[in-house]
Amino acid sequence: MLDTLINEMFSKNSDNSFSQSLLTVDLLVIDDLGTETMNSMKFTELYKIINTRLLNQNGKITKTIISTNLDLQGLFNTYDERLVSRFVGNYNIYRFFRR
């Protein structure tokens, strides 16, 4: 998702439809958060997506589901505190365990 978003940003012929979809789609599912290779640009874009959707800065109510194999400490080790604080403060956290 983030690679596609950044490729769109640097494309000369892009209409930014992918980035607009990420911000405005009614339900966004982010699967396996924490498996991507992060850099400052990807972090900035991920933060923008999460923050825009949480604060309804897109002018509509949007929902986001995030799955990850990381525990809270793993999230803090991988992402900036500003981003993880949004996860902890604004999302319901459900833990699934295998028996």
PDB file of N, CA and C in Angstrom:
ATOM      1  N   MET A   1       0.816  -1.174   0.000  1.00  0.00           N
ATOM      2  CA  MET A   1       0.000   0.000   0.000  1.00  0.00           C
ATOM      3  C   MET A   1       0.875   1.259   0.000  1.00  0.00           C
ATOM      4  N   LEU A   2       1.852   1.311   0.899  1.00  0.00           N
ATOM      5  CA  LEU A   2       2.681   2.508   0.997  1.00  0.00           C
ATOM      6  C   LEU A   2       3.577   2.670  -0.226  1.00  0.00           C
ATOM      7  N   ASP A   3       4.084   1.558  -0.754  1.00  0.00           N
ATOM      8  CA  ASP A   3       4.902   1.643  -1.973  1.00  0.00           C
ATOM      9  C   ASP A   3       4.075   2.182  -3.138  1.00  0.00           C
ATOM     10  N   THR A   4       2.853   1.695  -3.284  1.00  0.00           N
ATOM     11  CA  THR A   4       1.965   2.172  -4.352  1.00  0.00           C
ATOM     12  C   THR A   4       1.657   3.651  -4.173  1.00  0.00           C
ATOM     13  N   LEU A   5       1.417   4.060  -2.950  1.00  0.00           N
ATOM     14  CA  LEU A   5       1.128   5.454  -2.656  1.00  0.00           C
ATOM     15  C   LEU A   5       2.307   6.353  -3.032  1.00  0.00           C
ATOM     16  N   ILE A   6       3.501   5.956  -2.659  1.00  0.00           N
ATOM     17  CA  ILE A   6       4.682   6.766  -2.962  1.00  0.00           C
ATOM     18  C   ILE A   6       4.965   6.774  -4.455  1.00  0.00           C
ATOM     19  N   ASN A   7       4.785   5.647  -5.121  1.00  0.00           N
ATOM     20  CA  ASN A   7       4.946   5.625  -6.578  1.00  0.00           C
ATOM     21  C   ASN A   7       3.976   6.585  -7.247  1.00  0.00           C
ATOM     22  N   GLU A   8       2.752   6.635  -6.749  1.00  0.00           N
ATOM     23  CA  GLU A   8       1.760   7.553  -7.299  1.00  0.00           C
ATOM     24  C   GLU A   8       2.176   9.003  -7.074  1.00  0.00           C
ATOM     25  N   MET A   9       2.745   9.293  -5.925  1.00  0.00           N
ATOM     26  CA  MET A   9       3.163  10.656  -5.612  1.00  0.00           C
ATOM     27  C   MET A   9       4.212  11.168  -6.597  1.00  0.00           C
ATOM     28  N   PHE A  10       5.089  10.275  -7.049  1.00  0.00           N
ATOM     29  CA  PHE A  10       6.178  10.687  -7.929  1.00  0.00           C
ATOM     30  C   PHE A  10       5.887  10.465  -9.405  1.00  0.00           C
ATOM     31  N   SER A  11       4.713   9.975  -9.711  1.00  0.00           N
ATOM     32  CA  SER A  11       4.329   9.753 -11.098  1.00  0.00           C
ATOM     33  C   SER A  11       3.875  11.060 -11.733  1.00  0.00           C
ATOM     34  N   LYS A  12       4.365  11.330 -12.910  1.00  0.00           N
ATOM     35  CA  LYS A  12       3.997  12.566 -13.612  1.00  0.00           C
ATOM     36  C   LYS A  12       2.554  12.544 -14.092  1.00  0.00           C
ATOM     37  N   ASN A  13       2.041  11.364 -14.395  1.00  0.00           N
ATOM     38  CA  ASN A  13       0.701  11.244 -14.968  1.00  0.00           C
ATOM     39  C   ASN A  13      -0.349  10.811 -13.947  1.00  0.00           C
ATOM     40  N   SER A  14      -0.055  10.939 -12.684  1.00  0.00           N
ATOM     41  CA  SER A  14      -0.962  10.458 -11.652  1.00  0.00           C
ATOM     42  C   SER A  14      -2.098  11.447 -11.399  1.00  0.00           C
ATOM     43  N   ASP A  15      -3.278  10.894 -11.149  1.00  0.00           N
ATOM     44  CA  ASP A  15      -4.413  11.731 -10.760  1.00  0.00           C
ATOM     45  C   ASP A  15      -4.668  11.657  -9.246  1.00  0.00           C
ATOM     46  N   ASN A  16      -3.758  11.000  -8.526  1.00  0.00           N
ATOM     47  CA  ASN A  16      -3.835  10.859  -7.066  1.00  0.00           C
ATOM     48  C   ASN A  16      -5.079  10.123  -6.594  1.00  0.00           C
ATOM     49  N   SER A  17      -5.667   9.299  -7.452  1.00  0.00           N
ATOM     50  CA  SER A  17      -6.884   8.586  -7.067  1.00  0.00           C
ATOM     51  C   SER A  17      -6.621   7.548  -5.970  1.00  0.00           C
ATOM     52  N   PHE A  18      -5.440   6.917  -5.987  1.00  0.00           N
ATOM     53  CA  PHE A  18      -5.149   5.920  -4.960  1.00  0.00           C
ATOM     54  C   PHE A  18      -5.052   6.582  -3.591  1.00  0.00           C
ATOM     55  N   SER A  19      -4.320   7.676  -3.503  1.00  0.00           N
ATOM     56  CA  SER A  19      -4.179   8.358  -2.209  1.00  0.00           C
ATOM     57  C   SER A  19      -5.527   8.891  -1.726  1.00  0.00           C
ATOM     58  N   GLN A  20      -6.334   9.421  -2.619  1.00  0.00           N
ATOM     59  CA  GLN A  20      -7.661   9.904  -2.241  1.00  0.00           C
ATOM     60  C   GLN A  20      -8.535   8.761  -1.752  1.00  0.00           C
ATOM     61  N   SER A  21      -8.421   7.609  -2.385  1.00  0.00           N
ATOM     62  CA  SER A  21      -9.200   6.441  -1.948  1.00  0.00           C
ATOM     63  C   SER A  21      -8.801   6.017  -0.542  1.00  0.00           C
ATOM     64  N   LEU A  22      -7.507   6.021  -0.252  1.00  0.00           N
ATOM     65  CA  LEU A  22      -7.059   5.634   1.085  1.00  0.00           C
ATOM     66  C   LEU A  22      -7.615   6.563   2.154  1.00  0.00           C
ATOM     67  N   LEU A  23      -7.766   7.817   1.824  1.00  0.00           N
ATOM     68  CA  LEU A  23      -8.256   8.787   2.798  1.00  0.00           C
ATOM     69  C   LEU A  23      -9.770   8.782   2.945  1.00  0.00           C
ATOM     70  N   THR A  24     -10.496   8.395   1.894  1.00  0.00           N
ATOM     71  CA  THR A  24     -11.943   8.580   1.912  1.00  0.00           C
ATOM     72  C   THR A  24     -12.780   7.305   1.841  1.00  0.00           C
ATOM     73  N   VAL A  25     -12.186   6.169   1.546  1.00  0.00           N
ATOM     74  CA  VAL A  25     -12.972   4.944   1.461  1.00  0.00           C
ATOM     75  C   VAL A  25     -13.657   4.700   2.813  1.00  0.00           C
ATOM     76  N   ASP A  26     -14.880   4.188   2.784  1.00  0.00           N
ATOM     77  CA  ASP A  26     -15.650   3.990   4.013  1.00  0.00           C
ATOM     78  C   ASP A  26     -14.931   3.075   5.002  1.00  0.00           C
ATOM     79  N   LEU A  27     -14.358   1.977   4.509  1.00  0.00           N
ATOM     80  CA  LEU A  27     -13.655   1.020   5.365  1.00  0.00           C
ATOM     81  C   LEU A  27     -12.319   0.691   4.728  1.00  0.00           C
ATOM     82  N   LEU A  28     -11.237   0.955   5.441  1.00  0.00           N
ATOM     83  CA  LEU A  28      -9.889   0.616   4.997  1.00  0.00           C
ATOM     84  C   LEU A  28      -9.373  -0.494   5.890  1.00  0.00           C
ATOM     85  N   VAL A  29      -8.890  -1.581   5.299  1.00  0.00           N
ATOM     86  CA  VAL A  29      -8.305  -2.682   6.054  1.00  0.00           C
ATOM     87  C   VAL A  29      -6.811  -2.703   5.753  1.00  0.00           C
ATOM     88  N   ILE A  30      -6.024  -2.509   6.786  1.00  0.00           N
ATOM     89  CA  ILE A  30      -4.571  -2.584   6.671  1.00  0.00           C
ATOM     90  C   ILE A  30      -4.157  -3.900   7.298  1.00  0.00           C
ATOM     91  N   ASP A  31      -3.664  -4.815   6.484  1.00  0.00           N
ATOM     92  CA  ASP A  31      -3.320  -6.162   6.927  1.00  0.00           C
ATOM     93  C   ASP A  31      -1.817  -6.274   7.148  1.00  0.00           C
ATOM     94  N   ASP A  32      -1.430  -6.959   8.207  1.00  0.00           N
ATOM     95  CA  ASP A  32      -0.023  -7.240   8.522  1.00  0.00           C
ATOM     96  C   ASP A  32       0.825  -5.988   8.719  1.00  0.00           C
ATOM     97  N   LEU A  33       0.289  -5.015   9.428  1.00  0.00           N
ATOM     98  CA  LEU A  33       1.066  -3.831   9.746  1.00  0.00           C
ATOM     99  C   LEU A  33       2.337  -4.254  10.478  1.00  0.00           C
ATOM    100  N   GLY A  34       3.449  -3.705  10.077  1.00  0.00           N
ATOM    101  CA  GLY A  34       4.720  -4.031  10.699  1.00  0.00           C
ATOM    102  C   GLY A  34       5.594  -4.929   9.860  1.00  0.00           C
ATOM    103  N   THR A  35       5.070  -5.423   8.737  1.00  0.00           N
ATOM    104  CA  THR A  35       5.873  -6.295   7.877  1.00  0.00           C
ATOM    105  C   THR A  35       6.561  -5.514   6.767  1.00  0.00           C
ATOM    106  N   GLU A  36       6.163  -4.241   6.590  1.00  0.00           N
ATOM    107  CA  GLU A  36       6.749  -3.433   5.518  1.00  0.00           C
ATOM    108  C   GLU A  36       8.079  -2.839   5.971  1.00  0.00           C
ATOM    109  N   THR A  37       8.919  -2.527   5.012  1.00  0.00           N
ATOM    110  CA  THR A  37      10.152  -1.816   5.298  1.00  0.00           C
ATOM    111  C   THR A  37       9.823  -0.345   5.401  1.00  0.00           C
ATOM    112  N   MET A  38      10.135   0.253   6.533  1.00  0.00           N
ATOM    113  CA  MET A  38       9.761   1.645   6.765  1.00  0.00           C
ATOM    114  C   MET A  38      10.921   2.587   6.481  1.00  0.00           C
ATOM    115  N   ASN A  39      10.568   3.758   6.010  1.00  0.00           N
ATOM    116  CA  ASN A  39      11.496   4.880   5.919  1.00  0.00           C
ATOM    117  C   ASN A  39      10.696   6.119   6.299  1.00  0.00           C
ATOM    118  N   SER A  40      11.335   7.265   6.347  1.00  0.00           N
ATOM    119  CA  SER A  40      10.645   8.464   6.837  1.00  0.00           C
ATOM    120  C   SER A  40       9.473   8.860   5.945  1.00  0.00           C
ATOM    121  N   MET A  41       9.590   8.653   4.644  1.00  0.00           N
ATOM    122  CA  MET A  41       8.500   9.008   3.744  1.00  0.00           C
ATOM    123  C   MET A  41       7.296   8.094   3.967  1.00  0.00           C
ATOM    124  N   LYS A  42       7.539   6.802   4.110  1.00  0.00           N
ATOM    125  CA  LYS A  42       6.442   5.863   4.347  1.00  0.00           C
ATOM    126  C   LYS A  42       5.786   6.133   5.692  1.00  0.00           C
ATOM    127  N   PHE A  43       6.606   6.432   6.709  1.00  0.00           N
ATOM    128  CA  PHE A  43       6.038   6.743   8.014  1.00  0.00           C
ATOM    129  C   PHE A  43       5.133   7.965   7.926  1.00  0.00           C
ATOM    130  N   THR A  44       5.603   9.004   7.242  1.00  0.00           N
ATOM    131  CA  THR A  44       4.821  10.235   7.107  1.00  0.00           C
ATOM    132  C   THR A  44       3.492   9.960   6.422  1.00  0.00           C
ATOM    133  N   GLU A  45       3.500   9.166   5.360  1.00  0.00           N
ATOM    134  CA  GLU A  45       2.262   8.861   4.634  1.00  0.00           C
ATOM    135  C   GLU A  45       1.325   7.993   5.460  1.00  0.00           C
ATOM    136  N   LEU A  46       1.865   7.013   6.183  1.00  0.00           N
ATOM    137  CA  LEU A  46       1.028   6.174   7.043  1.00  0.00           C
ATOM    138  C   LEU A  46       0.392   7.024   8.137  1.00  0.00           C
ATOM    139  N   TYR A  47       1.168   7.891   8.739  1.00  0.00           N
ATOM    140  CA  TYR A  47       0.638   8.789   9.772  1.00  0.00           C
ATOM    141  C   TYR A  47      -0.474   9.669   9.194  1.00  0.00           C
ATOM    142  N   LYS A  48      -0.251  10.202   8.009  1.00  0.00           N
ATOM    143  CA  LYS A  48      -1.255  11.064   7.372  1.00  0.00           C
ATOM    144  C   LYS A  48      -2.554  10.301   7.126  1.00  0.00           C
ATOM    145  N   ILE A  49      -2.448   9.069   6.656  1.00  0.00           N
ATOM    146  CA  ILE A  49      -3.643   8.256   6.405  1.00  0.00           C
ATOM    147  C   ILE A  49      -4.405   8.012   7.704  1.00  0.00           C
ATOM    148  N   ILE A  50      -3.704   7.533   8.723  1.00  0.00           N
ATOM    149  CA  ILE A  50      -4.350   7.212  10.002  1.00  0.00           C
ATOM    150  C   ILE A  50      -4.950   8.468  10.623  1.00  0.00           C
ATOM    151  N   ASN A  51      -4.183   9.528  10.678  1.00  0.00           N
ATOM    152  CA  ASN A  51      -4.637  10.756  11.325  1.00  0.00           C
ATOM    153  C   ASN A  51      -5.820  11.383  10.586  1.00  0.00           C
ATOM    154  N   THR A  52      -5.747  11.438   9.274  1.00  0.00           N
ATOM    155  CA  THR A  52      -6.840  12.010   8.488  1.00  0.00           C
ATOM    156  C   THR A  52      -8.126  11.234   8.697  1.00  0.00           C
ATOM    157  N   ARG A  53      -8.027   9.922   8.688  1.00  0.00           N
ATOM    158  CA  ARG A  53      -9.215   9.092   8.860  1.00  0.00           C
ATOM    159  C   ARG A  53      -9.771   9.208  10.278  1.00  0.00           C
ATOM    160  N   LEU A  54      -8.914   9.260  11.284  1.00  0.00           N
ATOM    161  CA  LEU A  54      -9.373   9.371  12.672  1.00  0.00           C
ATOM    162  C   LEU A  54     -10.056  10.701  12.953  1.00  0.00           C
ATOM    163  N   LEU A  55      -9.494  11.759  12.435  1.00  0.00           N
ATOM    164  CA  LEU A  55     -10.014  13.097  12.729  1.00  0.00           C
ATOM    165  C   LEU A  55     -11.099  13.551  11.766  1.00  0.00           C
ATOM    166  N   ASN A  56     -11.483  12.657  10.852  1.00  0.00           N
ATOM    167  CA  ASN A  56     -12.504  12.964   9.850  1.00  0.00           C
ATOM    168  C   ASN A  56     -12.144  14.224   9.065  1.00  0.00           C
ATOM    169  N   GLN A  57     -10.857  14.410   8.806  1.00  0.00           N
ATOM    170  CA  GLN A  57     -10.403  15.556   8.030  1.00  0.00           C
ATOM    171  C   GLN A  57     -10.765  15.413   6.553  1.00  0.00           C
ATOM    172  N   ASN A  58     -11.265  14.249   6.192  1.00  0.00           N
ATOM    173  CA  ASN A  58     -11.679  14.006   4.819  1.00  0.00           C
ATOM    174  C   ASN A  58     -13.140  14.384   4.596  1.00  0.00           C
ATOM    175  N   GLY A  59     -13.790  14.896   5.629  1.00  0.00           N
ATOM    176  CA  GLY A  59     -15.167  15.345   5.498  1.00  0.00           C
ATOM    177  C   GLY A  59     -16.204  14.249   5.646  1.00  0.00           C
ATOM    178  N   LYS A  60     -15.787  13.051   6.027  1.00  0.00           N
ATOM    179  CA  LYS A  60     -16.753  11.970   6.199  1.00  0.00           C
ATOM    180  C   LYS A  60     -16.274  11.008   7.271  1.00  0.00           C
ATOM    181  N   ILE A  61     -17.172  10.224   7.796  1.00  0.00           N
ATOM    182  CA  ILE A  61     -16.824   9.227   8.799  1.00  0.00           C
ATOM    183  C   ILE A  61     -16.229   8.020   8.090  1.00  0.00           C
ATOM    184  N   THR A  62     -15.049   7.637   8.519  1.00  0.00           N
ATOM    185  CA  THR A  62     -14.366   6.485   7.921  1.00  0.00           C
ATOM    186  C   THR A  62     -13.930   5.540   9.030  1.00  0.00           C
ATOM    187  N   LYS A  63     -13.886   4.279   8.722  1.00  0.00           N
ATOM    188  CA  LYS A  63     -13.465   3.247   9.671  1.00  0.00           C
ATOM    189  C   LYS A  63     -12.213   2.564   9.128  1.00  0.00           C
ATOM    190  N   THR A  64     -11.347   2.150  10.045  1.00  0.00           N
ATOM    191  CA  THR A  64     -10.114   1.480   9.662  1.00  0.00           C
ATOM    192  C   THR A  64      -9.917   0.271  10.557  1.00  0.00           C
ATOM    193  N   ILE A  65      -9.606  -0.862   9.941  1.00  0.00           N
ATOM    194  CA  ILE A  65      -9.258  -2.084  10.662  1.00  0.00           C
ATOM    195  C   ILE A  65      -7.787  -2.355  10.373  1.00  0.00           C
ATOM    196  N   ILE A  66      -7.031  -2.609  11.424  1.00  0.00           N
ATOM    197  CA  ILE A  66      -5.601  -2.870  11.276  1.00  0.00           C
ATOM    198  C   ILE A  66      -5.297  -4.207  11.927  1.00  0.00           C
ATOM    199  N   SER A  67      -4.626  -5.079  11.192  1.00  0.00           N
ATOM    200  CA  SER A  67      -4.158  -6.329  11.795  1.00  0.00           C
ATOM    201  C   SER A  67      -2.634  -6.310  11.818  1.00  0.00           C
ATOM    202  N   THR A  68      -2.083  -6.909  12.867  1.00  0.00           N
ATOM    203  CA  THR A  68      -0.638  -6.987  13.009  1.00  0.00           C
ATOM    204  C   THR A  68      -0.289  -8.167  13.897  1.00  0.00           C
ATOM    205  N   ASN A  69       0.897  -8.690  13.725  1.00  0.00           N
ATOM    206  CA  ASN A  69       1.402  -9.721  14.626  1.00  0.00           C
ATOM    207  C   ASN A  69       2.245  -9.106  15.737  1.00  0.00           C
ATOM    208  N   LEU A  70       2.412  -7.783  15.715  1.00  0.00           N
ATOM    209  CA  LEU A  70       3.211  -7.100  16.725  1.00  0.00           C
ATOM    210  C   LEU A  70       2.388  -6.864  17.987  1.00  0.00           C
ATOM    211  N   ASP A  71       3.048  -7.014  19.141  1.00  0.00           N
ATOM    212  CA  ASP A  71       2.403  -6.606  20.382  1.00  0.00           C
ATOM    213  C   ASP A  71       2.649  -5.105  20.557  1.00  0.00           C
ATOM    214  N   LEU A  72       2.157  -4.526  21.643  1.00  0.00           N
ATOM    215  CA  LEU A  72       2.307  -3.086  21.830  1.00  0.00           C
ATOM    216  C   LEU A  72       3.774  -2.662  21.863  1.00  0.00           C
ATOM    217  N   GLN A  73       4.614  -3.439  22.519  1.00  0.00           N
ATOM    218  CA  GLN A  73       6.034  -3.094  22.564  1.00  0.00           C
ATOM    219  C   GLN A  73       6.644  -3.160  21.168  1.00  0.00           C
ATOM    220  N   GLY A  74       6.232  -4.140  20.377  1.00  0.00           N
ATOM    221  CA  GLY A  74       6.709  -4.248  18.998  1.00  0.00           C
ATOM    222  C   GLY A  74       6.279  -3.053  18.158  1.00  0.00           C
ATOM    223  N   LEU A  75       5.058  -2.567  18.381  1.00  0.00           N
ATOM    224  CA  LEU A  75       4.596  -1.369  17.671  1.00  0.00           C
ATOM    225  C   LEU A  75       5.448  -0.162  18.042  1.00  0.00           C
ATOM    226  N   PHE A  76       5.712  -0.003  19.345  1.00  0.00           N
ATOM    227  CA  PHE A  76       6.543   1.124  19.785  1.00  0.00           C
ATOM    228  C   PHE A  76       7.967   1.012  19.266  1.00  0.00           C
ATOM    229  N   ASN A  77       8.468  -0.210  19.112  1.00  0.00           N
ATOM    230  CA  ASN A  77       9.820  -0.397  18.580  1.00  0.00           C
ATOM    231  C   ASN A  77       9.891  -0.117  17.081  1.00  0.00           C
ATOM    232  N   THR A  78       8.775  -0.286  16.382  1.00  0.00           N
ATOM    233  CA  THR A  78       8.741  -0.155  14.928  1.00  0.00           C
ATOM    234  C   THR A  78       8.306   1.227  14.472  1.00  0.00           C
ATOM    235  N   TYR A  79       7.383   1.837  15.189  1.00  0.00           N
ATOM    236  CA  TYR A  79       6.780   3.098  14.758  1.00  0.00           C
ATOM    237  C   TYR A  79       7.007   4.197  15.792  1.00  0.00           C
ATOM    238  N   ASP A  80       6.850   5.410  15.356  1.00  0.00           N
ATOM    239  CA  ASP A  80       6.967   6.589  16.193  1.00  0.00           C
ATOM    240  C   ASP A  80       5.847   6.617  17.225  1.00  0.00           C
ATOM    241  N   GLU A  81       6.123   7.223  18.370  1.00  0.00           N
ATOM    242  CA  GLU A  81       5.137   7.291  19.441  1.00  0.00           C
ATOM    243  C   GLU A  81       3.854   8.004  19.015  1.00  0.00           C
ATOM    244  N   ARG A  82       3.961   9.007  18.145  1.00  0.00           N
ATOM    245  CA  ARG A  82       2.756   9.728  17.682  1.00  0.00           C
ATOM    246  C   ARG A  82       1.790   8.780  16.995  1.00  0.00           C
ATOM    247  N   LEU A  83       2.319   7.870  16.172  1.00  0.00           N
ATOM    248  CA  LEU A  83       1.463   6.934  15.445  1.00  0.00           C
ATOM    249  C   LEU A  83       0.889   5.878  16.380  1.00  0.00           C
ATOM    250  N   VAL A  84       1.731   5.286  17.208  1.00  0.00           N
ATOM    251  CA  VAL A  84       1.259   4.229  18.105  1.00  0.00           C
ATOM    252  C   VAL A  84       0.251   4.785  19.103  1.00  0.00           C
ATOM    253  N   SER A  85       0.427   6.021  19.530  1.00  0.00           N
ATOM    254  CA  SER A  85      -0.540   6.609  20.465  1.00  0.00           C
ATOM    255  C   SER A  85      -1.917   6.719  19.826  1.00  0.00           C
ATOM    256  N   ARG A  86      -1.970   6.902  18.521  1.00  0.00           N
ATOM    257  CA  ARG A  86      -3.262   6.925  17.836  1.00  0.00           C
ATOM    258  C   ARG A  86      -3.890   5.537  17.824  1.00  0.00           C
ATOM    259  N   PHE A  87      -3.060   4.510  17.632  1.00  0.00           N
ATOM    260  CA  PHE A  87      -3.584   3.145  17.692  1.00  0.00           C
ATOM    261  C   PHE A  87      -4.145   2.856  19.081  1.00  0.00           C
ATOM    262  N   VAL A  88      -3.364   3.135  20.107  1.00  0.00           N
ATOM    263  CA  VAL A  88      -3.747   2.812  21.480  1.00  0.00           C
ATOM    264  C   VAL A  88      -4.933   3.653  21.939  1.00  0.00           C
ATOM    265  N   GLY A  89      -4.959   4.921  21.570  1.00  0.00           N
ATOM    266  CA  GLY A  89      -5.999   5.816  22.061  1.00  0.00           C
ATOM    267  C   GLY A  89      -7.289   5.811  21.280  1.00  0.00           C
ATOM    268  N   ASN A  90      -7.260   5.306  20.043  1.00  0.00           N
ATOM    269  CA  ASN A  90      -8.446   5.435  19.193  1.00  0.00           C
ATOM    270  C   ASN A  90      -8.986   4.131  18.622  1.00  0.00           C
ATOM    271  N   TYR A  91      -8.288   3.044  18.836  1.00  0.00           N
ATOM    272  CA  TYR A  91      -8.725   1.760  18.289  1.00  0.00           C
ATOM    273  C   TYR A  91      -9.036   0.793  19.414  1.00  0.00           C
ATOM    274  N   ASN A  92      -9.986  -0.084  19.161  1.00  0.00           N
ATOM    275  CA  ASN A  92     -10.225  -1.205  20.060  1.00  0.00           C
ATOM    276  C   ASN A  92      -9.185  -2.262  19.724  1.00  0.00           C
ATOM    277  N   ILE A  93      -8.494  -2.758  20.739  1.00  0.00           N
ATOM    278  CA  ILE A  93      -7.441  -3.748  20.520  1.00  0.00           C
ATOM    279  C   ILE A  93      -7.976  -5.104  20.928  1.00  0.00           C
ATOM    280  N   TYR A  94      -7.920  -6.037  20.011  1.00  0.00           N
ATOM    281  CA  TYR A  94      -8.340  -7.410  20.257  1.00  0.00           C
ATOM    282  C   TYR A  94      -7.144  -8.318  20.047  1.00  0.00           C
ATOM    283  N   ARG A  95      -6.884  -9.169  21.001  1.00  0.00           N
ATOM    284  CA  ARG A  95      -5.776 -10.113  20.893  1.00  0.00           C
ATOM    285  C   ARG A  95      -6.349 -11.500  20.613  1.00  0.00           C
ATOM    286  N   PHE A  96      -5.757 -12.153  19.648  1.00  0.00           N
ATOM    287  CA  PHE A  96      -6.183 -13.502  19.297  1.00  0.00           C
ATOM    288  C   PHE A  96      -5.037 -14.453  19.614  1.00  0.00           C
ATOM    289  N   PHE A  97      -5.360 -15.519  20.295  1.00  0.00           N
ATOM    290  CA  PHE A  97      -4.360 -16.487  20.679  1.00  0.00           C
ATOM    291  C   PHE A  97      -4.706 -17.841  20.072  1.00  0.00           C
ATOM    292  N   ARG A  98      -3.688 -18.550  19.701  1.00  0.00           N
ATOM    293  CA  ARG A  98      -3.853 -19.912  19.182  1.00  0.00           C
ATOM    294  C   ARG A  98      -3.697 -20.899  20.323  1.00  0.00           C
ATOM    295  N   ARG A  99      -4.502 -21.897  20.316  1.00  0.00           N
ATOM    296  CA  ARG A  99      -4.387 -22.951  21.328  1.00  0.00           C
ATOM    297  C   ARG A  99      -3.688 -24.134  20.750  1.00  0.00           C
TER     298      ARG A  99
END
